[in-house]
Every structure is written in structure tokens, then in C-alpha cells.
PDB file of N, CA and C in Angstrom:
ATOM      1  N   MET A   1      87.276  37.468  74.242  1.00  0.00           N
ATOM      2  CA  MET A   1      86.586  38.167  74.821  1.00  0.00           C
ATOM      3  C   MET A   1      87.140  38.220  76.406  1.00  0.00           C
ATOM      4  N   LYS A   2      87.200  36.809  76.876  1.00  0.00           N
ATOM      5  CA  LYS A   2      87.684  36.882  78.562  1.00  0.00           C
ATOM      6  C   LYS A   2      88.928  37.849  78.590  1.00  0.00           C
ATOM      7  N   ARG A   3      90.252  37.526  77.714  1.00  0.00           N
ATOM      8  CA  ARG A   3      91.242  38.366  77.548  1.00  0.00           C
ATOM      9  C   ARG A   3      91.268  39.945  77.861  1.00  0.00           C
ATOM     10  N   LEU A   4      90.171  40.293  76.558  1.00  0.00           N
ATOM     11  CA  LEU A   4      89.600  41.742  76.739  1.00  0.00           C
ATOM     12  C   LEU A   4      89.240  42.536  78.008  1.00  0.00           C
ATOM     13  N   LEU A   5      88.160  41.450  78.315  1.00  0.00           N
ATOM     14  CA  LEU A   5      87.727  41.905  79.592  1.00  0.00           C
ATOM     15  C   LEU A   5      88.848  41.987  80.933  1.00  0.00           C
ATOM     16  N   LEU A   6      89.243  41.199  80.717  1.00  0.00           N
ATOM     17  CA  LEU A   6      90.631  41.030  82.095  1.00  0.00           C
ATOM     18  C   LEU A   6      91.199  41.999  81.834  1.00  0.00           C
ATOM     19  N   THR A   7      91.897  42.325  80.515  1.00  0.00           N
ATOM     20  CA  THR A   7      93.034  43.753  80.060  1.00  0.00           C
ATOM     21  C   THR A   7      92.064  44.865  80.889  1.00  0.00           C
ATOM     22  N   ALA A   8      90.727  45.011  80.545  1.00  0.00           N
ATOM     23  CA  ALA A   8      90.188  46.002  80.982  1.00  0.00           C
ATOM     24  C   ALA A   8      89.616  46.272  82.781  1.00  0.00           C
ATOM     25  N   VAL A   9      89.464  45.207  83.060  1.00  0.00           N
ATOM     26  CA  VAL A   9      89.452  44.843  84.672  1.00  0.00           C
ATOM     27  C   VAL A   9      90.983  45.677  85.303  1.00  0.00           C
ATOM     28  N   ILE A  10      91.932  45.162  84.484  1.00  0.00           N
ATOM     29  CA  ILE A  10      93.192  45.376  85.223  1.00  0.00           C
ATOM     30  C   ILE A  10      93.931  46.509  84.835  1.00  0.00           C
ATOM     31  N   LEU A  11      93.613  47.284  83.889  1.00  0.00           N
ATOM     32  CA  LEU A  11      93.653  48.508  83.567  1.00  0.00           C
ATOM     33  C   LEU A  11      92.940  49.326  84.529  1.00  0.00           C
ATOM     34  N   SER A  12      91.896  49.177  84.914  1.00  0.00           N
ATOM     35  CA  SER A  12      90.787  50.060  85.540  1.00  0.00           C
ATOM     36  C   SER A  12      91.163  50.043  87.129  1.00  0.00           C
ATOM     37  N   VAL A  13      91.638  49.044  87.223  1.00  0.00           N
ATOM     38  CA  VAL A  13      92.138  49.006  88.746  1.00  0.00           C
ATOM     39  C   VAL A  13      93.546  49.491  88.966  1.00  0.00           C
ATOM     40  N   PHE A  14      94.619  49.783  87.947  1.00  0.00           N
ATOM     41  CA  PHE A  14      95.665  50.318  88.055  1.00  0.00           C
ATOM     42  C   PHE A  14      95.455  52.191  87.641  1.00  0.00           C
ATOM     43  N   PHE A  15      94.654  52.417  86.821  1.00  0.00           N
ATOM     44  CA  PHE A  15      94.709  53.592  86.133  1.00  0.00           C
ATOM     45  C   PHE A  15      93.500  54.737  86.920  1.00  0.00           C
ATOM     46  N   VAL A  16      92.517  53.869  87.265  1.00  0.00           N
ATOM     47  CA  VAL A  16      91.274  54.681  88.104  1.00  0.00           C
ATOM     48  C   VAL A  16      92.012  55.051  89.653  1.00  0.00           C
ATOM     49  N   PRO A  17      92.515  54.421  90.300  1.00  0.00           N
ATOM     50  CA  PRO A  17      93.173  55.317  91.479  1.00  0.00           C
ATOM     51  C   PRO A  17      94.183  56.161  90.903  1.00  0.00           C
ATOM     52  N   LEU A  18      94.864  55.990  90.173  1.00  0.00           N
ATOM     53  CA  LEU A  18      96.020  57.219  89.917  1.00  0.00           C
ATOM     54  C   LEU A  18      95.329  58.249  89.353  1.00  0.00           C
ATOM     55  N   HIS A  19      94.321  58.357  88.507  1.00  0.00           N
ATOM     56  CA  HIS A  19      93.311  59.517  87.994  1.00  0.00           C
ATOM     57  C   HIS A  19      92.814  59.903  89.363  1.00  0.00           C
ATOM     58  N   ALA A  20      91.907  59.284  90.411  1.00  0.00           N
ATOM     59  CA  ALA A  20      91.593  59.748  91.460  1.00  0.00           C
ATOM     60  C   ALA A  20      92.523  60.573  92.397  1.00  0.00           C
ATOM     61  N   GLN A  21      93.672  60.147  92.266  1.00  0.00           N
ATOM     62  CA  GLN A  21      94.641  60.597  93.332  1.00  0.00           C
ATOM     63  C   GLN A  21      95.052  62.054  92.604  1.00  0.00           C
ATOM     64  N   LYS A  22      95.118  62.249  90.702  1.00  0.00           N
ATOM     65  CA  LYS A  22      95.327  63.247  90.578  1.00  0.00           C
ATOM     66  C   LYS A  22      94.380  64.487  90.778  1.00  0.00           C
ATOM     67  N   VAL A  23      92.959  64.219  90.720  1.00  0.00           N
ATOM     68  CA  VAL A  23      91.775  64.865  90.978  1.00  0.00           C
ATOM     69  C   VAL A  23      91.784  65.178  92.406  1.00  0.00           C
ATOM     70  N   SER A  24      92.471  64.456  93.349  1.00  0.00           N
ATOM     71  CA  SER A  24      92.595  64.803  94.803  1.00  0.00           C
ATOM     72  C   SER A  24      93.372  65.760  95.216  1.00  0.00           C
ATOM     73  N   GLN A  25      94.755  65.361  94.419  1.00  0.00           N
ATOM     74  CA  GLN A  25      95.773  66.535  94.424  1.00  0.00           C
ATOM     75  C   GLN A  25      95.175  67.946  94.181  1.00  0.00           C
ATOM     76  N   GLY A  26      94.506  67.962  93.119  1.00  0.00           N
ATOM     77  CA  GLY A  26      94.214  69.216  92.319  1.00  0.00           C
ATOM     78  C   GLY A  26      92.955  70.214  93.187  1.00  0.00           C
ATOM     79  N   THR A  27      92.239  68.994  93.882  1.00  0.00           N
ATOM     80  CA  THR A  27      91.091  69.619  94.863  1.00  0.00           C
ATOM     81  C   THR A  27      92.067  70.223  95.980  1.00  0.00           C
ATOM     82  N   GLY A  28      92.692  69.654  96.983  1.00  0.00           N
ATOM     83  CA  GLY A  28      93.584  69.952  97.461  1.00  0.00           C
ATOM     84  C   GLY A  28      94.370  71.128  97.585  1.00  0.00           C
ATOM     85  N   SER A  29      94.804  71.573  96.057  1.00  0.00           N
ATOM     86  CA  SER A  29      95.597  72.849  96.082  1.00  0.00           C
ATOM     87  C   SER A  29      94.163  73.925  95.750  1.00  0.00           C
ATOM     88  N   LEU A  30      93.280  73.243  95.565  1.00  0.00           N
ATOM     89  CA  LEU A  30      92.301  74.538  95.081  1.00  0.00           C
ATOM     90  C   LEU A  30      91.596  74.631  96.508  1.00  0.00           C
ATOM     91  N   GLU A  31      91.575  74.134  97.444  1.00  0.00           N
ATOM     92  CA  GLU A  31      91.314  74.321  98.620  1.00  0.00           C
ATOM     93  C   GLU A  31      92.447  75.103  99.495  1.00  0.00           C
ATOM     94  N   VAL A  32      93.738  74.979  98.986  1.00  0.00           N
ATOM     95  CA  VAL A  32      94.493  75.978  99.449  1.00  0.00           C
ATOM     96  C   VAL A  32      94.297  77.252  99.301  1.00  0.00           C
ATOM     97  N   ARG A  33      94.347  77.521  97.743  1.00  0.00           N
ATOM     98  CA  ARG A  33      93.773  78.566  97.245  1.00  0.00           C
ATOM     99  C   ARG A  33      92.634  79.199  97.949  1.00  0.00           C
ATOM    100  N   VAL A  34      91.646  78.613  97.819  1.00  0.00           N
ATOM    101  CA  VAL A  34      90.797  79.143  98.824  1.00  0.00           C
ATOM    102  C   VAL A  34      90.463  79.812  99.834  1.00  0.00           C
ATOM    103  N   ALA A  35      91.359  78.766 100.689  1.00  0.00           N
ATOM    104  CA  ALA A  35      91.759  79.748 102.070  1.00  0.00           C
ATOM    105  C   ALA A  35      92.549  80.786 102.187  1.00  0.00           C
ATOM    106  N   SER A  36      93.392  80.818 101.318  1.00  0.00           N
ATOM    107  CA  SER A  36      94.082  81.792 100.949  1.00  0.00           C
ATOM    108  C   SER A  36      93.437  82.832 100.683  1.00  0.00           C
ATOM    109  N   LEU A  37      92.575  82.777  99.702  1.00  0.00           N
ATOM    110  CA  LEU A  37      91.667  84.093  99.494  1.00  0.00           C
ATOM    111  C   LEU A  37      90.828  84.340 100.633  1.00  0.00           C
ATOM    112  N   GLU A  38      89.985  83.448 101.141  1.00  0.00           N
ATOM    113  CA  GLU A  38      89.313  83.968 102.129  1.00  0.00           C
ATOM    114  C   GLU A  38      89.942  84.590 103.406  1.00  0.00           C
ATOM    115  N   SER A  39      91.335  84.062 103.890  1.00  0.00           N
ATOM    116  CA  SER A  39      92.118  84.949 104.802  1.00  0.00           C
ATOM    117  C   SER A  39      92.445  86.209 103.990  1.00  0.00           C
ATOM    118  N   LYS A  40      92.542  86.163 102.902  1.00  0.00           N
ATOM    119  CA  LYS A  40      93.058  87.980 102.526  1.00  0.00           C
ATOM    120  C   LYS A  40      91.783  88.824 102.374  1.00  0.00           C
ATOM    121  N   VAL A  41      90.255  88.187 101.934  1.00  0.00           N
ATOM    122  CA  VAL A  41      88.980  89.003 102.258  1.00  0.00           C
ATOM    123  C   VAL A  41      88.824  89.113 103.435  1.00  0.00           C
ATOM    124  N   GLY A  42      89.082  88.249 104.751  1.00  0.00           N
ATOM    125  CA  GLY A  42      88.823  88.595 106.216  1.00  0.00           C
ATOM    126  C   GLY A  42      90.140  89.732 106.248  1.00  0.00           C
ATOM    127  N   GLN A  43      90.921  89.954 105.650  1.00  0.00           N
ATOM    128  CA  GLN A  43      91.831  91.337 106.046  1.00  0.00           C
ATOM    129  C   GLN A  43      91.279  92.339 105.259  1.00  0.00           C
ATOM    130  N   LEU A  44      90.791  92.400 104.610  1.00  0.00           N
ATOM    131  CA  LEU A  44      90.827  93.531 103.644  1.00  0.00           C
ATOM    132  C   LEU A  44      89.574  95.010 104.183  1.00  0.00           C
ATOM    133  N   PRO A  45      88.664  94.542 105.293  1.00  0.00           N
ATOM    134  CA  PRO A  45      87.950  95.742 106.394  1.00  0.00           C
ATOM    135  C   PRO A  45      89.354  96.607 106.941  1.00  0.00           C
ATOM    136  N   GLY A  46      89.963  95.654 107.309  1.00  0.00           N
ATOM    137  CA  GLY A  46      90.925  96.271 108.488  1.00  0.00           C
ATOM    138  C   GLY A  46      92.169  97.372 107.508  1.00  0.00           C
ATOM    139  N   GLU A  47      92.533  96.774 106.338  1.00  0.00           N
ATOM    140  CA  GLU A  47      93.166  97.718 105.578  1.00  0.00           C
ATOM    141  C   GLU A  47      92.469  98.746 104.574  1.00  0.00           C
ATOM    142  N   LEU A  48      91.540  98.729 104.406  1.00  0.00           N
ATOM    143  CA  LEU A  48      90.618  99.845 103.813  1.00  0.00           C
ATOM    144  C   LEU A  48      90.340 100.823 105.116  1.00  0.00           C
ATOM    145  N   PHE A  49      90.094 100.494 106.456  1.00  0.00           N
ATOM    146  CA  PHE A  49      89.893 101.506 107.757  1.00  0.00           C
ATOM    147  C   PHE A  49      91.657 102.131 107.879  1.00  0.00           C
ATOM    148  N   VAL A  50      92.415 101.355 107.594  1.00  0.00           N
ATOM    149  CA  VAL A  50      94.057 101.918 107.744  1.00  0.00           C
ATOM    150  C   VAL A  50      94.435 103.014 106.652  1.00  0.00           C
ATOM    151  N   THR A  51      93.887 102.553 105.363  1.00  0.00           N
ATOM    152  CA  THR A  51      93.677 103.396 104.190  1.00  0.00           C
ATOM    153  C   THR A  51      93.239 104.705 104.409  1.00  0.00           C
ATOM    154  N   PHE A  52      91.653 104.331 104.484  1.00  0.00           N
ATOM    155  CA  PHE A  52      91.092 105.467 105.117  1.00  0.00           C
ATOM    156  C   PHE A  52      91.670 106.774 106.159  1.00  0.00           C
ATOM    157  N   LEU A  53      92.229 106.352 107.251  1.00  0.00           N
ATOM    158  CA  LEU A  53      93.273 106.834 108.053  1.00  0.00           C
ATOM    159  C   LEU A  53      94.226 107.585 107.401  1.00  0.00           C
ATOM    160  N   PHE A  54      94.891 106.915 106.839  1.00  0.00           N
ATOM    161  CA  PHE A  54      95.548 107.807 105.975  1.00  0.00           C
ATOM    162  C   PHE A  54      95.291 109.224 105.543  1.00  0.00           C
ATOM    163  N   GLY A  55      94.350 108.838 104.431  1.00  0.00           N
ATOM    164  CA  GLY A  55      93.656 109.933 103.934  1.00  0.00           C
ATOM    165  C   GLY A  55      92.891 111.201 104.909  1.00  0.00           C
ATOM    166  N   ALA A  56      92.451 110.339 105.624  1.00  0.00           N
ATOM    167  CA  ALA A  56      91.922 111.641 106.672  1.00  0.00           C
ATOM    168  C   ALA A  56      92.961 112.330 106.950  1.00  0.00           C
ATOM    169  N   PHE A  57      94.139 111.857 107.402  1.00  0.00           N
ATOM    170  CA  PHE A  57      95.216 112.325 107.867  1.00  0.00           C
ATOM    171  C   PHE A  57      95.816 113.440 107.324  1.00  0.00           C
ATOM    172  N   CYS A  58      95.988 113.295 105.879  1.00  0.00           N
ATOM    173  CA  CYS A  58      96.511 114.079 104.806  1.00  0.00           C
ATOM    174  C   CYS A  58      95.574 115.061 104.814  1.00  0.00           C
ATOM    175  N   ALA A  59      94.539 114.904 104.597  1.00  0.00           N
ATOM    176  CA  ALA A  59      93.725 116.095 104.699  1.00  0.00           C
ATOM    177  C   ALA A  59      93.181 116.987 106.011  1.00  0.00           C
ATOM    178  N   LEU A  60      93.680 116.528 106.935  1.00  0.00           N
ATOM    179  CA  LEU A  60      93.593 117.052 107.915  1.00  0.00           C
ATOM    180  C   LEU A  60      94.627 118.037 107.955  1.00  0.00           C
ATOM    181  N   TRP A  61      96.233 117.295 107.789  1.00  0.00           N
ATOM    182  CA  TRP A  61      97.195 118.113 107.616  1.00  0.00           C
ATOM    183  C   TRP A  61      97.125 119.100 106.690  1.00  0.00           C
ATOM    184  N   ALA A  62      96.534 118.813 105.323  1.00  0.00           N
ATOM    185  CA  ALA A  62      96.591 119.691 104.373  1.00  0.00           C
ATOM    186  C   ALA A  62      95.764 120.942 104.972  1.00  0.00           C
ATOM    187  N   MET A  63      94.562 120.713 105.045  1.00  0.00           N
ATOM    188  CA  MET A  63      93.849 122.130 105.599  1.00  0.00           C
ATOM    189  C   MET A  63      94.460 123.228 106.644  1.00  0.00           C
ATOM    190  N   ASN A  64      95.265 122.188 107.624  1.00  0.00           N
ATOM    191  CA  ASN A  64      95.819 123.009 108.680  1.00  0.00           C
ATOM    192  C   ASN A  64      96.949 123.909 107.782  1.00  0.00           C
ATOM    193  N   THR A  65      97.669 123.476 107.003  1.00  0.00           N
ATOM    194  CA  THR A  65      98.591 124.286 105.972  1.00  0.00           C
ATOM    195  C   THR A  65      97.962 125.355 104.965  1.00  0.00           C
ATOM    196  N   GLY A  66      96.974 125.353 104.890  1.00  0.00           N
ATOM    197  CA  GLY A  66      95.853 125.697 103.783  1.00  0.00           C
ATOM    198  C   GLY A  66      96.811 125.160 102.416  1.00  0.00           C
ATOM    199  N   ARG A  67      96.065 123.772 102.342  1.00  0.00           N
ATOM    200  CA  ARG A  67      96.348 122.900 100.961  1.00  0.00           C
ATOM    201  C   ARG A  67      95.149 122.705 100.750  1.00  0.00           C
ATOM    202  N   ASN A  68      94.611 121.981  99.426  1.00  0.00           N
ATOM    203  CA  ASN A  68      93.491 121.480  99.022  1.00  0.00           C
ATOM    204  C   ASN A  68      93.143 119.969 100.020  1.00  0.00           C
ATOM    205  N   ALA A  69      92.282 120.170 100.705  1.00  0.00           N
ATOM    206  CA  ALA A  69      91.882 118.807 101.532  1.00  0.00           C
ATOM    207  C   ALA A  69      91.694 117.391 100.755  1.00  0.00           C
ATOM    208  N   TRP A  70      90.757 118.171  99.704  1.00  0.00           N
ATOM    209  CA  TRP A  70      90.208 116.940  99.017  1.00  0.00           C
ATOM    210  C   TRP A  70      91.359 116.203  98.392  1.00  0.00           C
ATOM    211  N   LEU A  71      92.169 117.198  97.424  1.00  0.00           N
ATOM    212  CA  LEU A  71      93.218 116.705  97.137  1.00  0.00           C
ATOM    213  C   LEU A  71      94.205 115.539  97.684  1.00  0.00           C
ATOM    214  N   TRP A  72      94.500 116.174  98.878  1.00  0.00           N
ATOM    215  CA  TRP A  72      95.417 115.252  99.783  1.00  0.00           C
ATOM    216  C   TRP A  72      94.822 114.058 100.451  1.00  0.00           C
ATOM    217  N   PHE A  73      93.648 114.170 100.425  1.00  0.00           N
ATOM    218  CA  PHE A  73      92.579 113.266 100.858  1.00  0.00           C
ATOM    219  C   PHE A  73      92.627 111.904 100.231  1.00  0.00           C
ATOM    220  N   PHE A  74      92.412 111.805  98.547  1.00  0.00           N
ATOM    221  CA  PHE A  74      92.496 111.163  97.536  1.00  0.00           C
ATOM    222  C   PHE A  74      93.724 110.576  97.588  1.00  0.00           C
ATOM    223  N   LEU A  75      94.807 111.472  97.635  1.00  0.00           N
ATOM    224  CA  LEU A  75      96.468 110.675  97.693  1.00  0.00           C
ATOM    225  C   LEU A  75      96.981 110.443  98.419  1.00  0.00           C
ATOM    226  N   GLY A  76      96.399 110.556  99.997  1.00  0.00           N
ATOM    227  CA  GLY A  76      96.580 109.956 101.251  1.00  0.00           C
ATOM    228  C   GLY A  76      95.962 108.508 100.967  1.00  0.00           C
ATOM    229  N   LEU A  77      94.633 108.256 100.080  1.00  0.00           N
ATOM    230  CA  LEU A  77      94.000 106.931 100.060  1.00  0.00           C
ATOM    231  C   LEU A  77      94.863 105.937  98.967  1.00  0.00           C
ATOM    232  N   ILE A  78      95.387 106.769  97.783  1.00  0.00           N
ATOM    233  CA  ILE A  78      96.019 105.992  97.004  1.00  0.00           C
ATOM    234  C   ILE A  78      97.366 105.785  97.312  1.00  0.00           C
ATOM    235  N   PHE A  79      98.063 106.461  97.836  1.00  0.00           N
ATOM    236  CA  PHE A  79      99.661 106.564  98.136  1.00  0.00           C
ATOM    237  C   PHE A  79     100.033 106.513  99.769  1.00  0.00           C
ATOM    238  N   SER A  80      99.105 106.303 100.527  1.00  0.00           N
ATOM    239  CA  SER A  80      99.145 106.306 101.903  1.00  0.00           C
ATOM    240  C   SER A  80     100.282 106.894 102.366  1.00  0.00           C
ATOM    241  N   VAL A  81     101.329 106.178 102.509  1.00  0.00           N
ATOM    242  CA  VAL A  81     103.109 106.669 103.654  1.00  0.00           C
ATOM    243  C   VAL A  81     103.520 107.629 102.667  1.00  0.00           C
ATOM    244  N   ILE A  82     103.706 107.461 101.065  1.00  0.00           N
ATOM    245  CA  ILE A  82     104.001 108.237 100.392  1.00  0.00           C
ATOM    246  C   ILE A  82     103.691 109.788 100.573  1.00  0.00           C
ATOM    247  N   SER A  83     102.500 109.943 100.521  1.00  0.00           N
ATOM    248  CA  SER A  83     101.722 111.107 100.805  1.00  0.00           C
ATOM    249  C   SER A  83     102.179 112.015 102.026  1.00  0.00           C
ATOM    250  N   VAL A  84     102.196 111.178 103.240  1.00  0.00           N
ATOM    251  CA  VAL A  84     102.680 111.527 104.423  1.00  0.00           C
ATOM    252  C   VAL A  84     104.071 112.092 104.263  1.00  0.00           C
ATOM    253  N   MET A  85     104.747 111.342 103.641  1.00  0.00           N
ATOM    254  CA  MET A  85     106.322 111.826 103.735  1.00  0.00           C
ATOM    255  C   MET A  85     106.351 113.194 102.824  1.00  0.00           C
ATOM    256  N   VAL A  86     105.430 113.148 101.619  1.00  0.00           N
ATOM    257  CA  VAL A  86     105.340 114.312 100.419  1.00  0.00           C
ATOM    258  C   VAL A  86     105.191 115.425 101.791  1.00  0.00           C
ATOM    259  N   LEU A  87     103.860 115.407 102.734  1.00  0.00           N
ATOM    260  CA  LEU A  87     103.654 116.759 103.349  1.00  0.00           C
ATOM    261  C   LEU A  87     104.263 116.895 104.372  1.00  0.00           C
ATOM    262  N   LEU A  88     105.464 115.897 105.069  1.00  0.00           N
ATOM    263  CA  LEU A  88     106.235 116.471 106.001  1.00  0.00           C
ATOM    264  C   LEU A  88     107.320 117.127 105.385  1.00  0.00           C
ATOM    265  N   TYR A  89     107.720 116.845 104.016  1.00  0.00           N
ATOM    266  CA  TYR A  89     108.972 117.388 103.383  1.00  0.00           C
ATOM    267  C   TYR A  89     108.031 119.162 102.753  1.00  0.00           C
ATOM    268  N   LYS A  90     106.659 119.187 102.222  1.00  0.00           N
ATOM    269  CA  LYS A  90     106.443 120.235 102.238  1.00  0.00           C
ATOM    270  C   LYS A  90     106.328 120.999 103.438  1.00  0.00           C
ATOM    271  N   GLN A  91     105.838 120.867 104.070  1.00  0.00           N
ATOM    272  CA  GLN A  91     105.819 121.638 105.607  1.00  0.00           C
ATOM    273  C   GLN A  91     107.299 121.996 106.233  1.00  0.00           C
ATOM    274  N   SER A  92     107.969 121.216 106.181  1.00  0.00           N
ATOM    275  CA  SER A  92     109.558 121.502 106.312  1.00  0.00           C
ATOM    276  C   SER A  92     109.995 122.507 105.708  1.00  0.00           C
ATOM    277  N   ASN A  93     109.695 122.615 104.194  1.00  0.00           N
ATOM    278  CA  ASN A  93     109.757 123.678 103.373  1.00  0.00           C
ATOM    279  C   ASN A  93     109.235 124.777 103.983  1.00  0.00           C
ATOM    280  N   ASP A  94     108.044 124.966 103.987  1.00  0.00           N
ATOM    281  CA  ASP A  94     107.288 126.286 104.381  1.00  0.00           C
ATOM    282  C   ASP A  94     107.943 126.669 105.866  1.00  0.00           C
ATOM    283  N   VAL A  95     108.586 126.113 106.747  1.00  0.00           N
ATOM    284  CA  VAL A  95     109.192 126.380 108.079  1.00  0.00           C
ATOM    285  C   VAL A  95     110.398 127.221 107.597  1.00  0.00           C
ATOM    286  N   ARG A  96     110.729 126.599 106.847  1.00  0.00           N
ATOM    287  CA  ARG A  96     112.272 126.869 106.487  1.00  0.00           C
ATOM    288  C   ARG A  96     111.994 128.264 106.129  1.00  0.00           C
ATOM    289  N   ALA A  97     111.067 128.617 105.150  1.00  0.00           N
ATOM    290  CA  ALA A  97     110.571 129.726 104.110  1.00  0.00           C
ATOM    291  C   ALA A  97     110.241 131.043 105.074  1.00  0.00           C
ATOM    292  N   ASN A  98     109.649 130.441 106.210  1.00  0.00           N
ATOM    293  CA  ASN A  98     108.570 131.607 107.199  1.00  0.00           C
ATOM    294  C   ASN A  98     109.160 130.806 108.289  1.00  0.00           C
ATOM    295  N   PRO A  99     110.208 131.474 109.141  1.00  0.00           N
ATOM    296  CA  PRO A  99     110.004 130.677 110.385  1.00  0.00           C
ATOM    297  C   PRO A  99     108.533 131.014 111.483  1.00  0.00           C
ATOM    298  N   SER A 100     108.085 131.981 111.087  1.00  0.00           N
ATOM    299  CA  SER A 100     107.227 132.302 112.211  1.00  0.00           C
ATOM    300  C   SER A 100     105.959 131.779 112.127  1.00  0.00           C
ATOM    301  N   GLN A 101     105.553 131.186 110.665  1.00  0.00           N
ATOM    302  CA  GLN A 101     104.783 130.642 110.277  1.00  0.00           C
ATOM    303  C   GLN A 101     104.875 129.039 111.072  1.00  0.00           C
ATOM    304  N   GLY A 102     105.756 128.586 111.031  1.00  0.00           N
ATOM    305  CA  GLY A 102     105.668 127.062 111.567  1.00  0.00           C
ATOM    306  C   GLY A 102     105.422 126.831 113.099  1.00  0.00           C
ATOM    307  N   ARG A 103     106.059 127.618 114.189  1.00  0.00           N
ATOM    308  CA  ARG A 103     105.882 127.118 115.486  1.00  0.00           C
ATOM    309  C   ARG A 103     105.135 128.469 116.112  1.00  0.00           C
ATOM    310  N   ARG A 104     103.908 128.678 116.719  1.00  0.00           N
ATOM    311  CA  ARG A 104     103.508 129.602 117.807  1.00  0.00           C
ATOM    312  C   ARG A 104     103.656 129.146 119.117  1.00  0.00           C
ATOM    313  N   PRO A 105     104.026 130.355 119.851  1.00  0.00           N
ATOM    314  CA  PRO A 105     104.292 129.790 121.316  1.00  0.00           C
ATOM    315  C   PRO A 105     102.768 129.902 121.858  1.00  0.00           C
ATOM    316  N   PHE A 106     102.432 128.843 122.984  1.00  0.00           N
ATOM    317  CA  PHE A 106     101.373 128.729 123.591  1.00  0.00           C
ATOM    318  C   PHE A 106     100.971 129.677 124.555  1.00  0.00           C
ATOM    319  N   LYS A 107     100.080 130.155 124.636  1.00  0.00           N
ATOM    320  CA  LYS A 107      99.902 131.193 125.528  1.00  0.00           C
ATOM    321  C   LYS A 107      98.496 130.531 126.534  1.00  0.00           C
ATOM    322  N   LEU A 108      98.789 130.310 127.351  1.00  0.00           N
ATOM    323  CA  LEU A 108      97.703 129.802 128.747  1.00  0.00           C
ATOM    324  C   LEU A 108      96.276 131.090 128.360  1.00  0.00           C
ATOM    325  N   ASP A 109      96.874 132.429 128.472  1.00  0.00           N
ATOM    326  CA  ASP A 109      95.844 133.265 128.342  1.00  0.00           C
ATOM    327  C   ASP A 109      94.965 133.479 126.965  1.00  0.00           C
ATOM    328  N   ASP A 110      95.315 133.130 125.811  1.00  0.00           N
ATOM    329  CA  ASP A 110      94.575 133.034 124.668  1.00  0.00           C
ATOM    330  C   ASP A 110      93.575 131.706 124.926  1.00  0.00           C
ATOM    331  N   PHE A 111      93.884 130.436 125.600  1.00  0.00           N
ATOM    332  CA  PHE A 111      92.934 129.294 125.515  1.00  0.00           C
ATOM    333  C   PHE A 111      92.048 129.854 126.676  1.00  0.00           C
ATOM    334  N   ARG A 112      92.219 130.413 127.765  1.00  0.00           N
ATOM    335  CA  ARG A 112      91.158 130.857 128.461  1.00  0.00           C
ATOM    336  C   ARG A 112      90.304 131.806 128.058  1.00  0.00           C
ATOM    337  N   GLN A 113      90.615 132.665 127.060  1.00  0.00           N
ATOM    338  CA  GLN A 113      89.487 133.326 126.474  1.00  0.00           C
ATOM    339  C   GLN A 113      88.776 133.082 125.586  1.00  0.00           C
ATOM    340  N   GLN A 114      88.748 131.907 125.285  1.00  0.00           N
ATOM    341  CA  GLN A 114      87.902 131.083 124.327  1.00  0.00           C
ATOM    342  C   GLN A 114      86.776 130.655 125.017  1.00  0.00           C
TER     343      GLN A 114
END
């Protein structure tokens, strides 16, 4: 009986700290993962704002070129930079097709009359 008790004490002395070390390593990695998620959540409002600006820019450009503003707003939200590149390409094709539509000379008298 003494041997069994002594064996149990010796095993608990050696294996319990090993188990506790594994648990603390697991919680350490969990803490790192939680901290990473918290930093990503902290960046989310800024990213959403930039995405909204891409959508608004695409919608404004689409309105000025006679395209569907809502469609380009949502395309700008989803595809951001790609949508801007497509709008640039479409605008350059429109200007090539009708050069007088692309640029209009600025006249100060027109501005003063408004």
C-alpha cells in the first residue's frame, strides 16, 4: 500500500506539472489568437469607411458619365479598386468614341452667369 501511494505521489509530481505546462501553452496561443482578432476588429471601421468611399466615388463617376449610379456604387463596395479601373477604362473608350464629350473648355463667363 505504501508503494502504491509513493508511486502515485511520484507520478503526480512529475506528470501534473507537464500537464499544467501544456495547458498554459494552450492558453498562451489562445491569448495570442484573441489579441489578433481584437486588432482586426479594431481595424474594421476604417476598412469599411474606405470601402464605402470607393463605392461613393464609383457612383459619383457613374452619374457624371450617364451610367447607373446604384449599380456602380455596389460594384465599388464589392470590388473597390477593380471597379475604379473598369470605370477608367470605360471612360477612356467613351472619350475615344466621342472626343467632344470628354473635355469641355472652361469658360469663366459661364461660371459667372450661374
